[in-house]
Protein backbone atom coordinates (compact mmCIF):
# COMPACT_ATOMS: atom_id res chain seq x y z
CA MET A 1 -142.65 -18.14 81.14
CA SER A 2 -139.33 -16.78 82.25
CA LYS A 3 -136.27 -16.73 80.04
CA THR A 4 -134.40 -19.03 82.35
CA LYS A 5 -137.06 -21.68 82.24
CA LEU A 6 -137.29 -21.37 78.51
CA LEU A 7 -133.53 -21.64 78.10
CA SER A 8 -133.44 -24.69 80.40
CA ILE A 9 -136.08 -26.42 78.27
CA ALA A 10 -134.19 -25.66 75.06
CA VAL A 11 -130.86 -27.01 76.50
CA ILE A 12 -132.53 -30.16 77.70
CA GLY A 13 -134.20 -30.58 74.31
CA LEU A 14 -130.88 -30.21 72.46
CA LEU A 15 -129.13 -32.54 74.78
CA ILE A 16 -131.79 -35.21 74.10
CA LEU A 17 -131.49 -34.62 70.37
CA ASN A 18 -127.70 -34.87 70.47
CA LEU A 19 -127.75 -38.12 72.49
CA SER A 20 -130.26 -39.58 70.14
CA LEU A 21 -128.12 -38.65 67.07
CA ILE A 22 -124.93 -40.08 68.70
CA GLY A 23 -126.80 -43.28 69.58
CA PHE A 24 -128.19 -43.65 66.07
CA HIS A 25 -124.72 -43.11 64.59
CA PHE A 26 -123.03 -45.83 66.73
CA LEU A 27 -125.78 -48.34 66.89
CA ARG A 28 -126.99 -48.49 63.30
CA LYS A 29 -125.64 -51.25 61.08
CA PRO A 30 -123.52 -49.83 58.22
CA ILE A 31 -124.70 -50.74 54.66
CA ARG A 32 -121.61 -51.02 52.72
CA PRO A 33 -120.58 -53.76 50.10
CA GLN A 34 -117.36 -54.52 51.98
CA ASP A 35 -119.39 -55.51 55.14
CA ARG A 36 -121.20 -58.34 53.48
CA PRO A 37 -120.85 -61.75 55.05
CA ILE A 38 -117.85 -63.84 54.02
CA GLY A 39 -118.74 -66.01 51.05
CA GLN A 40 -121.71 -63.91 49.96
CA ALA A 41 -121.42 -62.76 46.36
CA PRO A 42 -121.10 -59.05 45.87
CA PRO A 43 -123.75 -57.18 43.90
CA GLU A 44 -123.34 -57.71 40.15
CA ARG A 45 -122.13 -54.25 39.54
CA PHE A 46 -119.02 -54.71 41.75
CA ARG A 47 -117.76 -57.82 39.97
CA PRO A 48 -114.45 -57.28 38.21
CA GLN A 49 -115.65 -59.25 35.11
CA ASN A 50 -118.49 -56.83 34.60
CA GLU A 51 -116.08 -53.90 34.83
CA ILE A 52 -113.81 -55.60 32.23
CA ILE A 53 -116.70 -56.38 29.80
CA ALA A 54 -117.96 -52.82 30.07
CA SER A 55 -114.42 -51.31 29.74
CA LEU A 56 -113.43 -53.44 26.73
CA ARG A 57 -116.99 -53.34 25.21
CA PHE A 58 -116.97 -57.07 24.49
CA ASP A 59 -119.69 -58.41 22.16
CA ASP A 60 -121.71 -61.55 23.08
CA ILE A 61 -119.17 -63.95 21.41
CA GLN A 62 -116.29 -62.31 23.36
CA VAL A 63 -118.24 -62.52 26.60
CA LYS A 64 -118.76 -66.19 26.22
CA LYS A 65 -115.13 -66.75 25.60
CA TYR A 66 -114.25 -64.46 28.40
CA GLU A 67 -116.53 -66.38 30.82
CA VAL A 68 -114.58 -69.69 29.99
CA LEU A 69 -111.29 -67.79 30.69
CA ILE A 70 -112.73 -66.67 34.09
CA ASP A 71 -113.69 -70.27 34.95
CA GLU A 72 -110.25 -71.59 34.06
CA HIS A 73 -108.59 -68.79 35.92
CA GLN A 74 -110.68 -69.10 39.06
CA GLU A 75 -110.03 -72.91 39.10
CA SER A 76 -106.22 -72.42 38.91
CA VAL A 77 -106.15 -69.75 41.55
CA LYS A 78 -108.31 -71.71 43.84
CA ALA A 79 -106.07 -74.75 43.57
CA LEU A 80 -102.97 -72.61 44.23
CA ASN A 81 -104.62 -70.95 47.22
CA ASP A 82 -105.63 -74.38 48.59
CA SER A 83 -101.93 -75.47 48.26
CA ILE A 84 -100.77 -72.31 50.15
CA ARG A 85 -103.31 -72.96 52.90
CA ASN A 86 -101.99 -76.56 53.25
CA VAL A 87 -98.36 -75.52 53.28
CA LYS A 88 -99.15 -72.84 55.89
CA SER A 89 -100.90 -75.36 58.06
CA LEU A 90 -97.71 -77.45 58.00
CA LEU A 91 -95.61 -74.39 58.66
CA TYR A 92 -97.57 -73.31 61.76
CA GLN A 93 -97.48 -76.93 63.06
CA MET A 94 -93.74 -76.57 63.16
CA LEU A 95 -94.03 -73.78 65.85
CA ASN A 96 -93.59 -76.60 68.44
CA SER A 97 -90.29 -77.80 66.85
CA GLU A 98 -86.97 -76.16 66.25
CA ASN A 99 -86.43 -77.46 62.73
CA ASP A 100 -85.23 -74.28 60.91
CA ALA A 101 -84.38 -76.03 57.66
CA ALA A 102 -87.90 -77.41 57.27
CA LYS A 103 -89.35 -74.10 58.26
CA ASP A 104 -87.38 -72.21 55.62
CA SER A 105 -88.30 -74.84 53.04
CA LEU A 106 -91.99 -74.36 53.74
CA ILE A 107 -91.66 -70.64 53.56
CA THR A 108 -89.96 -70.89 50.24
CA LYS A 109 -92.66 -73.19 48.99
CA ILE A 110 -95.32 -70.66 49.96
CA GLY A 111 -93.39 -67.92 48.11
CA SER A 112 -93.19 -70.13 45.04
CA LEU A 113 -96.90 -70.81 45.15
CA GLN A 114 -97.69 -67.10 45.49
CA LYS A 115 -95.41 -66.45 42.51
CA ASN A 116 -97.47 -68.95 40.45
CA ILE A 117 -100.63 -67.13 41.52
CA GLU A 118 -99.34 -63.79 40.22
CA ARG A 119 -98.15 -65.55 36.99
CA THR A 120 -101.57 -67.00 36.64
CA HIS A 121 -103.19 -63.46 36.95
CA TYR A 122 -100.84 -62.08 34.44
CA GLU A 123 -101.45 -64.86 31.96
CA HIS A 124 -105.23 -64.47 32.41
CA PHE A 125 -104.95 -60.87 31.24
CA VAL A 126 -102.73 -61.82 28.32
CA GLU A 127 -105.51 -64.16 27.23
CA ILE A 128 -108.09 -61.37 27.65
CA LYS A 129 -105.87 -59.14 25.54
CA LYS A 130 -106.03 -61.85 22.81
CA LEU A 131 -109.83 -61.60 22.82
CA CYS A 132 -109.76 -57.95 22.04
CA ASN A 133 -110.11 -56.55 18.49
CA THR A 134 -107.91 -53.54 17.29
CA ASP A 135 -110.47 -51.00 18.51
CA GLN A 136 -110.63 -52.58 21.98
CA LEU A 137 -106.89 -52.71 22.43
CA ARG A 138 -106.88 -48.90 23.32
CA ASN A 139 -109.42 -49.63 26.03
CA PHE A 140 -107.31 -52.64 27.25
CA GLU A 141 -104.27 -50.29 27.61
CA GLU A 142 -106.37 -47.94 29.83
CA LEU A 143 -107.65 -50.94 31.78
CA THR A 144 -104.05 -52.11 32.44
CA THR A 145 -103.51 -48.97 34.70
CA ARG A 146 -106.12 -50.43 37.09
CA LEU A 147 -105.32 -54.12 37.06
CA ALA A 148 -103.25 -54.27 40.26
CA GLY A 149 -106.39 -53.49 42.20
CA PHE A 150 -108.27 -56.47 40.77
CA PHE A 151 -106.25 -59.03 42.69
CA GLY A 152 -104.95 -57.18 45.64
CA SER A 153 -106.50 -59.55 48.14
CA THR A 154 -107.52 -63.19 48.62
CA ASP A 155 -111.06 -61.89 48.62
CA GLN A 156 -111.42 -61.45 44.83
CA ASN A 157 -114.97 -60.43 44.98
CA ARG A 158 -114.68 -57.20 46.95
CA PRO A 159 -115.67 -54.05 45.19
CA ARG A 160 -112.84 -52.05 43.52
CA LYS A 161 -112.57 -48.51 42.39
């Protein structure tokens, strides 16, 4: 077999291999937690409450109290988010009118509701701090450096690092 024929076969083989790899790269479905369908719960290890329980080393009694706090917090935030959604709906219905005063009033209301959400988050962590014993307070202080990432989105179940 001549060198030219061997080189041609090698080039064609490498071209087929490259095209296969490129196709695989672009056609495969990514497997990442953030690509899960909306509404599907994340894997347990990505839940913020599990990270908080582990970081603060809560005992079983503290975990039970913390779970009650979580339920209350989620209920409050859901109600506020529902209110924001309703006010936004009214706001966007105003696109067909020229009522600037009503528009500004609705935007102010959305801001007020968002402020209440942030206050609710803050108060939630004040309550968590109250659950901590003196040894856990040092861990809580370290946790506070990561708190902003816990509620950076309306999708509160996304993984955080």
